[in-house]
Amino acid sequence: MSFEKKLRTFILENYLFTEDESELDNADSFLDSGIIDSTGILEVITFIQDECDFVIDDDDMIPENLDSVNNILAFINKKSV
């Protein structure tokens, strides 16, 4: 399973309490749309670190990197290079 699919499944099941893929657009802001609060973002960070096997530095814990599926995917791609 791709990381994108794992991430989407994690968000859908843990925060939207559904398996309906149409409930989450990759561009949706987690915070602005109320999908995830600040505590939830910490859980997402832990999920990313576990799945990608690297530590996210404090300086990288910003909305531009973590506030949507698209932002997370871009951040992961940047970190992988």
C-alpha atoms as a PDB file:
ATOM      1  CA  MET A   1       0.000   0.000   0.000  1.00  0.00           C
ATOM      2  CA  SER A   2       1.346   3.435  -0.903  1.00  0.00           C
ATOM      3  CA  PHE A   3       2.108   5.981   1.793  1.00  0.00           C
ATOM      4  CA  GLU A   4      -0.627   8.249   0.391  1.00  0.00           C
ATOM      5  CA  LYS A   5      -3.196   5.468   0.773  1.00  0.00           C
ATOM      6  CA  LYS A   6      -1.985   4.664   4.308  1.00  0.00           C
ATOM      7  CA  LEU A   7      -2.149   8.344   5.278  1.00  0.00           C
ATOM      8  CA  ARG A   8      -5.625   8.820   3.809  1.00  0.00           C
ATOM      9  CA  THR A   9      -6.865   5.676   5.566  1.00  0.00           C
ATOM     10  CA  PHE A  10      -5.359   6.860   8.867  1.00  0.00           C
ATOM     11  CA  ILE A  11      -7.074  10.270   8.584  1.00  0.00           C
ATOM     12  CA  LEU A  12     -10.404   8.830   7.437  1.00  0.00           C
ATOM     13  CA  GLU A  13     -10.593   6.167  10.130  1.00  0.00           C
ATOM     14  CA  ASN A  14      -9.209   8.146  13.077  1.00  0.00           C
ATOM     15  CA  TYR A  15     -10.623  11.628  12.502  1.00  0.00           C
ATOM     16  CA  LEU A  16     -13.542  11.382  10.075  1.00  0.00           C
ATOM     17  CA  PHE A  17     -14.659   7.957  11.365  1.00  0.00           C
ATOM     18  CA  THR A  18     -15.435   6.654   7.899  1.00  0.00           C
ATOM     19  CA  GLU A  19     -13.947   4.589   5.118  1.00  0.00           C
ATOM     20  CA  ASP A  20     -15.609   6.761   2.458  1.00  0.00           C
ATOM     21  CA  GLU A  21     -12.741   8.147   0.356  1.00  0.00           C
ATOM     22  CA  SER A  22     -14.946  10.984  -0.926  1.00  0.00           C
ATOM     23  CA  GLU A  23     -15.028  12.527   2.563  1.00  0.00           C
ATOM     24  CA  LEU A  24     -11.414  13.690   2.276  1.00  0.00           C
ATOM     25  CA  ASP A  25      -9.910  15.795  -0.492  1.00  0.00           C
ATOM     26  CA  ASN A  26      -6.102  15.805  -0.522  1.00  0.00           C
ATOM     27  CA  ALA A  27      -6.124  19.620  -0.541  1.00  0.00           C
ATOM     28  CA  ASP A  28      -8.409  19.993   2.514  1.00  0.00           C
ATOM     29  CA  SER A  29      -6.759  21.884   5.369  1.00  0.00           C
ATOM     30  CA  PHE A  30      -6.955  19.691   8.461  1.00  0.00           C
ATOM     31  CA  LEU A  31      -7.085  22.659  10.831  1.00  0.00           C
ATOM     32  CA  ASP A  32      -9.252  25.079   8.806  1.00  0.00           C
ATOM     33  CA  SER A  33     -11.855  22.418   8.030  1.00  0.00           C
ATOM     34  CA  GLY A  34     -11.866  21.102  11.603  1.00  0.00           C
ATOM     35  CA  ILE A  35     -10.783  17.605  10.582  1.00  0.00           C
ATOM     36  CA  ILE A  36      -7.893  17.550  13.065  1.00  0.00           C
ATOM     37  CA  ASP A  37      -7.032  19.737  16.046  1.00  0.00           C
ATOM     38  CA  SER A  38      -3.563  20.527  17.369  1.00  0.00           C
ATOM     39  CA  THR A  39      -3.433  17.327  19.429  1.00  0.00           C
ATOM     40  CA  GLY A  40      -4.431  15.330  16.371  1.00  0.00           C
ATOM     41  CA  ILE A  41      -1.574  16.867  14.407  1.00  0.00           C
ATOM     42  CA  LEU A  42       0.823  15.360  16.963  1.00  0.00           C
ATOM     43  CA  GLU A  43      -0.742  11.949  16.297  1.00  0.00           C
ATOM     44  CA  VAL A  44      -0.315  12.503  12.547  1.00  0.00           C
ATOM     45  CA  ILE A  45       3.342  13.403  13.130  1.00  0.00           C
ATOM     46  CA  THR A  46       3.841  10.169  15.074  1.00  0.00           C
ATOM     47  CA  PHE A  47       2.145   8.230  12.257  1.00  0.00           C
ATOM     48  CA  ILE A  48       4.417   9.836   9.643  1.00  0.00           C
ATOM     49  CA  GLN A  49       7.554   9.162  11.695  1.00  0.00           C
ATOM     50  CA  ASP A  50       6.574   5.523  12.219  1.00  0.00           C
ATOM     51  CA  GLU A  51       5.664   4.929   8.571  1.00  0.00           C
ATOM     52  CA  CYS A  52       8.587   6.823   7.031  1.00  0.00           C
ATOM     53  CA  ASP A  53      11.186   5.859   9.631  1.00  0.00           C
ATOM     54  CA  PHE A  54      12.575   9.343  10.242  1.00  0.00           C
ATOM     55  CA  VAL A  55      12.189  12.060  12.853  1.00  0.00           C
ATOM     56  CA  ILE A  56      10.390  15.281  12.006  1.00  0.00           C
ATOM     57  CA  ASP A  57      12.385  18.193  13.407  1.00  0.00           C
ATOM     58  CA  ASP A  58      10.604  20.852  15.460  1.00  0.00           C
ATOM     59  CA  ASP A  59      11.406  23.400  12.739  1.00  0.00           C
ATOM     60  CA  ASP A  60       9.484  21.257  10.228  1.00  0.00           C
ATOM     61  CA  MET A  61       6.311  21.082  12.344  1.00  0.00           C
ATOM     62  CA  ILE A  62       4.546  23.878  10.487  1.00  0.00           C
ATOM     63  CA  PRO A  63       1.211  23.986   8.612  1.00  0.00           C
ATOM     64  CA  GLU A  64       2.972  24.302   5.273  1.00  0.00           C
ATOM     65  CA  ASN A  65       4.283  20.768   5.838  1.00  0.00           C
ATOM     66  CA  LEU A  66       1.496  19.085   7.787  1.00  0.00           C
ATOM     67  CA  ASP A  67      -1.915  20.731   7.222  1.00  0.00           C
ATOM     68  CA  SER A  68      -3.237  18.566   4.370  1.00  0.00           C
ATOM     69  CA  VAL A  69      -2.571  15.300   2.619  1.00  0.00           C
ATOM     70  CA  ASN A  70      -0.971  17.227  -0.258  1.00  0.00           C
ATOM     71  CA  ASN A  71       1.274  19.194   2.116  1.00  0.00           C
ATOM     72  CA  ILE A  72       2.391  16.026   3.890  1.00  0.00           C
ATOM     73  CA  LEU A  73       3.141  14.238   0.615  1.00  0.00           C
ATOM     74  CA  ALA A  74       5.194  17.199  -0.639  1.00  0.00           C
ATOM     75  CA  PHE A  75       7.041  17.350   2.694  1.00  0.00           C
ATOM     76  CA  ILE A  76       7.809  13.611   2.612  1.00  0.00           C
ATOM     77  CA  ASN A  77       9.067  13.876  -0.967  1.00  0.00           C
ATOM     78  CA  LYS A  78      11.296  16.805   0.010  1.00  0.00           C
ATOM     79  CA  LYS A  79      12.693  14.905   3.021  1.00  0.00           C
ATOM     80  CA  SER A  80      13.322  11.801   0.913  1.00  0.00           C
ATOM     81  CA  VAL A  81      15.550  13.619  -1.580  1.00  0.00           C
END
